[in-house]
Amino acid sequence: MIQAVVNNIVARCILGSKAEEENGPGKFGELSRRLLVLLTAFSFGDVFPCLAWLDVVTGLFGRINATFKTMDSLFDQVIEEHRISQSEDVDHDQSADRNNFVHVVLKLQKDGMLETDLTQKDIKAILVGTSLF
């Protein structure tokens, strides 16, 4: 129960929606749990680099790749939805109460307030990094 509450808080801060919803960003809670389990799983290649091929045989690499592909498509969908909602908001002061992490990063990207340009991959990497904590 505590994990569900924490996932909902993180999802609301980062994505702007609950982690337990069925469609769209609702898969976030399940994916973040699956990702944490996979990242903490025993990997032969981490301990014995010459035995990294066993991670392929055990299916660890396949499960990690499938999870990251699903997260990648989810973050693409979330970023696109936030871009559309930002372009539809004429008065940004009224939508200030709905701001979340994705809105802030997209606004920084749009306004060019960073020293470097953020690509779609950069934004998704930031989202993955923030979702793990």
N, C-alpha and C. Protein backbone atom coordinates (compact mmCIF):
# COMPACT_ATOMS: atom_id res chain seq x y z
N MET A 1 0.81 -1.18 0.00
CA MET A 1 0.00 0.00 0.00
C MET A 1 0.87 1.26 0.00
N ILE A 2 1.94 1.23 0.77
CA ILE A 2 2.84 2.38 0.80
C ILE A 2 3.48 2.59 -0.56
N GLN A 3 3.85 1.49 -1.21
CA GLN A 3 4.46 1.60 -2.53
C GLN A 3 3.48 2.20 -3.54
N ALA A 4 2.21 1.86 -3.45
CA ALA A 4 1.20 2.44 -4.35
C ALA A 4 1.07 3.94 -4.13
N VAL A 5 1.09 4.35 -2.87
CA VAL A 5 0.99 5.78 -2.55
C VAL A 5 2.22 6.52 -3.08
N VAL A 6 3.40 5.94 -2.86
CA VAL A 6 4.63 6.57 -3.34
C VAL A 6 4.62 6.65 -4.87
N ASN A 7 4.20 5.58 -5.55
CA ASN A 7 4.13 5.60 -7.02
C ASN A 7 3.17 6.67 -7.51
N ASN A 8 2.03 6.84 -6.84
CA ASN A 8 1.08 7.87 -7.24
C ASN A 8 1.64 9.27 -7.04
N ILE A 9 2.36 9.48 -5.95
CA ILE A 9 2.95 10.80 -5.69
C ILE A 9 4.00 11.11 -6.75
N VAL A 10 4.88 10.14 -7.03
CA VAL A 10 5.93 10.36 -8.03
C VAL A 10 5.31 10.57 -9.41
N ALA A 11 4.31 9.76 -9.76
CA ALA A 11 3.67 9.90 -11.07
C ALA A 11 2.98 11.25 -11.21
N ARG A 12 2.33 11.72 -10.16
CA ARG A 12 1.67 13.02 -10.24
C ARG A 12 2.68 14.16 -10.37
N CYS A 13 3.80 14.05 -9.68
CA CYS A 13 4.82 15.10 -9.77
C CYS A 13 5.49 15.11 -11.13
N ILE A 14 5.78 13.94 -11.66
CA ILE A 14 6.52 13.87 -12.91
C ILE A 14 5.60 13.97 -14.12
N LEU A 15 4.56 13.13 -14.14
CA LEU A 15 3.72 13.02 -15.33
C LEU A 15 2.44 13.83 -15.26
N GLY A 16 1.98 14.12 -14.06
CA GLY A 16 0.75 14.87 -13.92
C GLY A 16 -0.48 14.01 -13.85
N SER A 17 -0.33 12.69 -13.68
CA SER A 17 -1.48 11.79 -13.56
C SER A 17 -1.15 10.68 -12.59
N LYS A 18 -2.18 9.96 -12.13
CA LYS A 18 -1.97 8.88 -11.18
C LYS A 18 -1.28 7.70 -11.84
N ALA A 19 -0.56 6.94 -11.04
CA ALA A 19 0.13 5.75 -11.54
C ALA A 19 -0.80 4.57 -11.69
N GLU A 20 -1.96 4.62 -11.06
CA GLU A 20 -2.83 3.46 -11.06
C GLU A 20 -3.93 3.51 -12.12
N GLU A 21 -3.98 4.54 -12.93
CA GLU A 21 -4.98 4.62 -13.98
C GLU A 21 -4.73 3.52 -15.01
N GLU A 22 -5.78 3.08 -15.67
CA GLU A 22 -5.68 1.94 -16.58
C GLU A 22 -5.03 2.29 -17.91
N ASN A 23 -5.36 3.43 -18.48
CA ASN A 23 -4.84 3.76 -19.81
C ASN A 23 -3.78 4.84 -19.73
N GLY A 24 -2.93 4.88 -20.74
CA GLY A 24 -1.92 5.94 -20.83
C GLY A 24 -0.90 5.88 -19.72
N PRO A 25 -0.68 7.01 -19.05
CA PRO A 25 0.35 7.06 -18.01
C PRO A 25 0.06 6.15 -16.83
N GLY A 26 -1.09 5.52 -16.78
CA GLY A 26 -1.43 4.63 -15.68
C GLY A 26 -0.53 3.42 -15.60
N LYS A 27 0.11 3.07 -16.68
CA LYS A 27 1.03 1.94 -16.67
C LYS A 27 2.33 2.29 -15.96
N PHE A 28 2.48 3.54 -15.58
CA PHE A 28 3.72 4.00 -14.98
C PHE A 28 4.06 3.24 -13.70
N GLY A 29 3.09 3.02 -12.85
CA GLY A 29 3.34 2.33 -11.58
C GLY A 29 3.83 0.92 -11.80
N GLU A 30 3.15 0.20 -12.67
CA GLU A 30 3.56 -1.17 -12.98
C GLU A 30 4.94 -1.20 -13.62
N LEU A 31 5.18 -0.30 -14.56
CA LEU A 31 6.48 -0.28 -15.25
C LEU A 31 7.62 0.11 -14.31
N SER A 32 7.38 1.05 -13.43
CA SER A 32 8.46 1.45 -12.52
C SER A 32 8.79 0.32 -11.55
N ARG A 33 7.77 -0.40 -11.08
CA ARG A 33 8.03 -1.56 -10.21
C ARG A 33 8.81 -2.63 -10.96
N ARG A 34 8.38 -2.91 -12.20
CA ARG A 34 9.06 -3.93 -12.99
C ARG A 34 10.50 -3.53 -13.28
N LEU A 35 10.72 -2.25 -13.57
CA LEU A 35 12.07 -1.77 -13.86
C LEU A 35 12.97 -1.89 -12.64
N LEU A 36 12.47 -1.52 -11.47
CA LEU A 36 13.28 -1.64 -10.25
C LEU A 36 13.62 -3.09 -9.93
N VAL A 37 12.69 -4.00 -10.17
CA VAL A 37 12.96 -5.42 -9.95
C VAL A 37 14.03 -5.91 -10.91
N LEU A 38 13.94 -5.51 -12.17
CA LEU A 38 14.92 -5.95 -13.16
C LEU A 38 16.30 -5.35 -12.91
N LEU A 39 16.34 -4.10 -12.47
CA LEU A 39 17.64 -3.47 -12.24
C LEU A 39 18.33 -4.01 -10.99
N THR A 40 17.57 -4.59 -10.07
CA THR A 40 18.17 -5.17 -8.88
C THR A 40 18.36 -6.68 -9.00
N ALA A 41 17.95 -7.26 -10.13
CA ALA A 41 18.09 -8.71 -10.33
C ALA A 41 19.56 -9.06 -10.50
N PHE A 42 19.89 -10.30 -10.16
CA PHE A 42 21.27 -10.75 -10.31
C PHE A 42 21.61 -10.88 -11.79
N SER A 43 22.75 -10.34 -12.15
CA SER A 43 23.23 -10.39 -13.52
C SER A 43 24.61 -11.03 -13.53
N PHE A 44 24.74 -12.12 -14.27
CA PHE A 44 26.02 -12.80 -14.37
C PHE A 44 27.08 -11.87 -14.95
N GLY A 45 26.69 -11.05 -15.93
CA GLY A 45 27.63 -10.16 -16.59
C GLY A 45 28.19 -9.08 -15.67
N ASP A 46 27.44 -8.71 -14.65
CA ASP A 46 27.92 -7.71 -13.70
C ASP A 46 29.01 -8.28 -12.80
N VAL A 47 28.86 -9.54 -12.42
CA VAL A 47 29.81 -10.15 -11.50
C VAL A 47 30.97 -10.80 -12.27
N PHE A 48 30.61 -11.52 -13.32
CA PHE A 48 31.60 -12.23 -14.15
C PHE A 48 31.41 -11.81 -15.60
N PRO A 49 32.12 -10.78 -16.07
CA PRO A 49 31.90 -10.27 -17.42
C PRO A 49 32.01 -11.34 -18.52
N CYS A 50 32.82 -12.34 -18.32
CA CYS A 50 32.95 -13.38 -19.35
C CYS A 50 31.71 -14.27 -19.41
N LEU A 51 30.84 -14.19 -18.42
CA LEU A 51 29.61 -14.99 -18.41
C LEU A 51 28.36 -14.15 -18.73
N ALA A 52 28.55 -13.01 -19.36
CA ALA A 52 27.42 -12.14 -19.69
C ALA A 52 26.44 -12.81 -20.64
N TRP A 53 26.89 -13.78 -21.39
CA TRP A 53 26.00 -14.49 -22.31
C TRP A 53 24.91 -15.24 -21.55
N LEU A 54 25.16 -15.57 -20.28
CA LEU A 54 24.14 -16.25 -19.48
C LEU A 54 22.93 -15.34 -19.20
N ASP A 55 23.14 -14.03 -19.19
CA ASP A 55 22.03 -13.11 -19.01
C ASP A 55 21.06 -13.16 -20.19
N VAL A 56 21.60 -13.43 -21.36
CA VAL A 56 20.75 -13.60 -22.54
C VAL A 56 19.97 -14.91 -22.43
N VAL A 57 20.65 -15.96 -22.00
CA VAL A 57 20.02 -17.28 -21.88
C VAL A 57 18.93 -17.26 -20.80
N THR A 58 19.18 -16.60 -19.68
CA THR A 58 18.18 -16.55 -18.61
C THR A 58 17.01 -15.63 -18.94
N GLY A 59 17.15 -14.80 -19.97
CA GLY A 59 16.08 -13.91 -20.38
C GLY A 59 16.10 -12.55 -19.73
N LEU A 60 17.13 -12.27 -18.94
CA LEU A 60 17.21 -10.98 -18.26
C LEU A 60 17.30 -9.83 -19.26
N PHE A 61 18.16 -9.96 -20.26
CA PHE A 61 18.30 -8.90 -21.27
C PHE A 61 17.00 -8.68 -22.02
N GLY A 62 16.31 -9.74 -22.35
CA GLY A 62 15.04 -9.61 -23.07
C GLY A 62 13.99 -8.89 -22.25
N ARG A 63 13.89 -9.23 -20.97
CA ARG A 63 12.91 -8.56 -20.10
C ARG A 63 13.27 -7.09 -19.90
N ILE A 64 14.56 -6.80 -19.75
CA ILE A 64 14.99 -5.41 -19.59
C ILE A 64 14.68 -4.62 -20.85
N ASN A 65 15.01 -5.17 -22.02
CA ASN A 65 14.75 -4.47 -23.28
C ASN A 65 13.25 -4.26 -23.50
N ALA A 66 12.43 -5.26 -23.19
CA ALA A 66 10.98 -5.11 -23.37
C ALA A 66 10.43 -4.02 -22.44
N THR A 67 10.91 -3.99 -21.21
CA THR A 67 10.44 -2.98 -20.26
C THR A 67 10.85 -1.59 -20.71
N PHE A 68 12.09 -1.44 -21.17
CA PHE A 68 12.54 -0.12 -21.61
C PHE A 68 11.82 0.33 -22.88
N LYS A 69 11.49 -0.59 -23.77
CA LYS A 69 10.72 -0.21 -24.97
C LYS A 69 9.33 0.27 -24.59
N THR A 70 8.72 -0.41 -23.63
CA THR A 70 7.39 0.01 -23.16
C THR A 70 7.46 1.37 -22.48
N MET A 71 8.47 1.58 -21.65
CA MET A 71 8.64 2.88 -20.99
C MET A 71 8.93 3.97 -22.01
N ASP A 72 9.70 3.64 -23.03
CA ASP A 72 10.03 4.60 -24.08
C ASP A 72 8.76 5.06 -24.80
N SER A 73 7.90 4.12 -25.16
CA SER A 73 6.66 4.50 -25.84
C SER A 73 5.73 5.26 -24.90
N LEU A 74 5.70 4.88 -23.62
CA LEU A 74 4.88 5.61 -22.66
C LEU A 74 5.37 7.04 -22.50
N PHE A 75 6.67 7.24 -22.37
CA PHE A 75 7.20 8.60 -22.24
C PHE A 75 7.00 9.41 -23.51
N ASP A 76 7.11 8.77 -24.69
CA ASP A 76 6.80 9.48 -25.94
C ASP A 76 5.37 9.99 -25.92
N GLN A 77 4.44 9.13 -25.49
CA GLN A 77 3.03 9.49 -25.42
C GLN A 77 2.82 10.63 -24.43
N VAL A 78 3.42 10.55 -23.26
CA VAL A 78 3.26 11.57 -22.23
C VAL A 78 3.83 12.91 -22.70
N ILE A 79 5.00 12.89 -23.29
CA ILE A 79 5.63 14.13 -23.77
C ILE A 79 4.77 14.77 -24.86
N GLU A 80 4.25 13.96 -25.77
CA GLU A 80 3.41 14.50 -26.84
C GLU A 80 2.12 15.10 -26.27
N GLU A 81 1.50 14.42 -25.31
CA GLU A 81 0.29 14.96 -24.67
C GLU A 81 0.57 16.27 -23.98
N HIS A 82 1.71 16.39 -23.32
CA HIS A 82 2.05 17.63 -22.63
C HIS A 82 2.36 18.74 -23.64
N ARG A 83 2.99 18.41 -24.74
CA ARG A 83 3.24 19.43 -25.78
C ARG A 83 1.93 19.94 -26.34
N ILE A 84 0.99 19.04 -26.58
CA ILE A 84 -0.31 19.46 -27.11
C ILE A 84 -1.05 20.31 -26.10
N SER A 85 -1.03 19.92 -24.84
CA SER A 85 -1.73 20.70 -23.82
C SER A 85 -1.10 22.07 -23.62
N GLN A 86 0.23 22.16 -23.77
CA GLN A 86 0.89 23.47 -23.64
C GLN A 86 0.55 24.37 -24.81
N SER A 87 0.44 23.79 -26.00
CA SER A 87 0.13 24.62 -27.16
C SER A 87 -1.33 25.07 -27.13
N GLU A 88 -2.21 24.29 -26.49
CA GLU A 88 -3.62 24.66 -26.40
C GLU A 88 -3.88 25.68 -25.31
N ASP A 89 -3.03 25.75 -24.30
CA ASP A 89 -3.20 26.71 -23.21
C ASP A 89 -2.81 28.10 -23.70
N VAL A 90 -3.81 28.97 -23.84
CA VAL A 90 -3.54 30.33 -24.28
C VAL A 90 -3.01 31.15 -23.11
N ASP A 91 -3.63 31.00 -21.97
CA ASP A 91 -3.23 31.75 -20.79
C ASP A 91 -2.45 30.81 -19.88
N HIS A 92 -1.13 30.92 -19.90
CA HIS A 92 -0.28 30.02 -19.12
C HIS A 92 -0.38 30.27 -17.62
N ASP A 93 -0.86 31.46 -17.22
CA ASP A 93 -0.99 31.74 -15.79
C ASP A 93 -2.08 30.89 -15.16
N GLN A 94 -3.15 30.61 -15.92
CA GLN A 94 -4.22 29.79 -15.38
C GLN A 94 -3.80 28.33 -15.25
N SER A 95 -2.88 27.89 -16.10
CA SER A 95 -2.45 26.49 -16.05
C SER A 95 -1.25 26.29 -15.13
N ALA A 96 -0.83 27.32 -14.42
CA ALA A 96 0.34 27.20 -13.55
C ALA A 96 0.11 26.20 -12.43
N ASP A 97 -1.15 26.04 -12.00
CA ASP A 97 -1.42 25.10 -10.93
C ASP A 97 -1.35 23.66 -11.43
N ARG A 98 -1.38 23.44 -12.75
CA ARG A 98 -1.32 22.09 -13.30
C ARG A 98 0.10 21.72 -13.76
N ASN A 99 1.06 22.58 -13.51
CA ASN A 99 2.42 22.29 -13.95
C ASN A 99 2.97 21.07 -13.24
N ASN A 100 3.73 20.28 -13.98
CA ASN A 100 4.44 19.15 -13.41
C ASN A 100 5.82 19.14 -14.03
N PHE A 101 6.59 18.14 -13.72
CA PHE A 101 7.98 18.10 -14.15
C PHE A 101 8.12 18.12 -15.67
N VAL A 102 7.25 17.40 -16.37
CA VAL A 102 7.32 17.37 -17.83
C VAL A 102 7.03 18.75 -18.40
N HIS A 103 6.03 19.44 -17.86
CA HIS A 103 5.74 20.79 -18.32
C HIS A 103 6.94 21.72 -18.13
N VAL A 104 7.59 21.61 -16.99
CA VAL A 104 8.73 22.48 -16.70
C VAL A 104 9.88 22.21 -17.67
N VAL A 105 10.18 20.92 -17.90
CA VAL A 105 11.28 20.58 -18.82
C VAL A 105 10.95 21.03 -20.24
N LEU A 106 9.72 20.83 -20.69
CA LEU A 106 9.33 21.26 -22.03
C LEU A 106 9.36 22.78 -22.17
N LYS A 107 8.99 23.48 -21.10
CA LYS A 107 9.05 24.95 -21.14
C LYS A 107 10.50 25.41 -21.23
N LEU A 108 11.38 24.79 -20.47
CA LEU A 108 12.80 25.13 -20.55
C LEU A 108 13.35 24.86 -21.95
N GLN A 109 12.93 23.75 -22.54
CA GLN A 109 13.37 23.42 -23.90
C GLN A 109 12.84 24.45 -24.90
N LYS A 110 11.58 24.81 -24.77
CA LYS A 110 10.95 25.73 -25.70
C LYS A 110 11.55 27.13 -25.59
N ASP A 111 11.78 27.60 -24.37
CA ASP A 111 12.29 28.95 -24.16
C ASP A 111 13.79 29.07 -24.39
N GLY A 112 14.48 27.95 -24.52
CA GLY A 112 15.92 27.98 -24.74
C GLY A 112 16.68 28.51 -23.55
N MET A 113 16.22 28.22 -22.36
CA MET A 113 16.85 28.74 -21.15
C MET A 113 18.01 27.89 -20.68
N LEU A 114 18.28 26.80 -21.37
CA LEU A 114 19.39 25.93 -20.99
C LEU A 114 20.59 26.19 -21.90
N GLU A 115 21.75 25.84 -21.42
CA GLU A 115 22.96 26.05 -22.21
C GLU A 115 23.03 25.10 -23.40
N THR A 116 22.36 23.98 -23.30
CA THR A 116 22.36 22.98 -24.36
C THR A 116 20.93 22.69 -24.77
N ASP A 117 20.76 22.24 -26.00
CA ASP A 117 19.43 21.89 -26.48
C ASP A 117 19.06 20.50 -26.00
N LEU A 118 17.84 20.36 -25.50
CA LEU A 118 17.36 19.06 -25.07
C LEU A 118 16.65 18.37 -26.22
N THR A 119 17.04 17.15 -26.49
CA THR A 119 16.36 16.35 -27.51
C THR A 119 15.28 15.51 -26.82
N GLN A 120 14.48 14.83 -27.62
CA GLN A 120 13.46 13.94 -27.08
C GLN A 120 14.09 12.86 -26.22
N LYS A 121 15.23 12.33 -26.67
CA LYS A 121 15.92 11.29 -25.90
C LYS A 121 16.44 11.84 -24.57
N ASP A 122 16.90 13.07 -24.57
CA ASP A 122 17.37 13.69 -23.33
C ASP A 122 16.24 13.82 -22.32
N ILE A 123 15.09 14.25 -22.79
CA ILE A 123 13.93 14.41 -21.90
C ILE A 123 13.50 13.07 -21.34
N LYS A 124 13.47 12.04 -22.18
CA LYS A 124 13.09 10.71 -21.71
C LYS A 124 14.10 10.17 -20.72
N ALA A 125 15.38 10.44 -20.92
CA ALA A 125 16.40 10.00 -19.97
C ALA A 125 16.22 10.69 -18.62
N ILE A 126 15.88 11.96 -18.64
CA ILE A 126 15.62 12.69 -17.41
C ILE A 126 14.41 12.09 -16.69
N LEU A 127 13.37 11.76 -17.45
CA LEU A 127 12.17 11.18 -16.85
C LEU A 127 12.44 9.81 -16.24
N VAL A 128 13.23 8.99 -16.93
CA VAL A 128 13.58 7.67 -16.38
C VAL A 128 14.39 7.85 -15.10
N GLY A 129 15.35 8.76 -15.12
CA GLY A 129 16.16 9.01 -13.93
C GLY A 129 15.36 9.51 -12.75
N THR A 130 14.41 10.40 -13.00
CA THR A 130 13.60 10.93 -11.90
C THR A 130 12.57 9.91 -11.42
N SER A 131 12.14 9.02 -12.30
CA SER A 131 11.12 8.05 -11.89
C SER A 131 11.71 6.94 -11.04
N LEU A 132 13.02 6.77 -11.04
CA LEU A 132 13.64 5.73 -10.25
C LEU A 132 13.87 6.15 -8.80
N PHE A 133 13.73 7.41 -8.51
CA PHE A 133 14.00 7.86 -7.14
C PHE A 133 12.75 8.11 -6.37
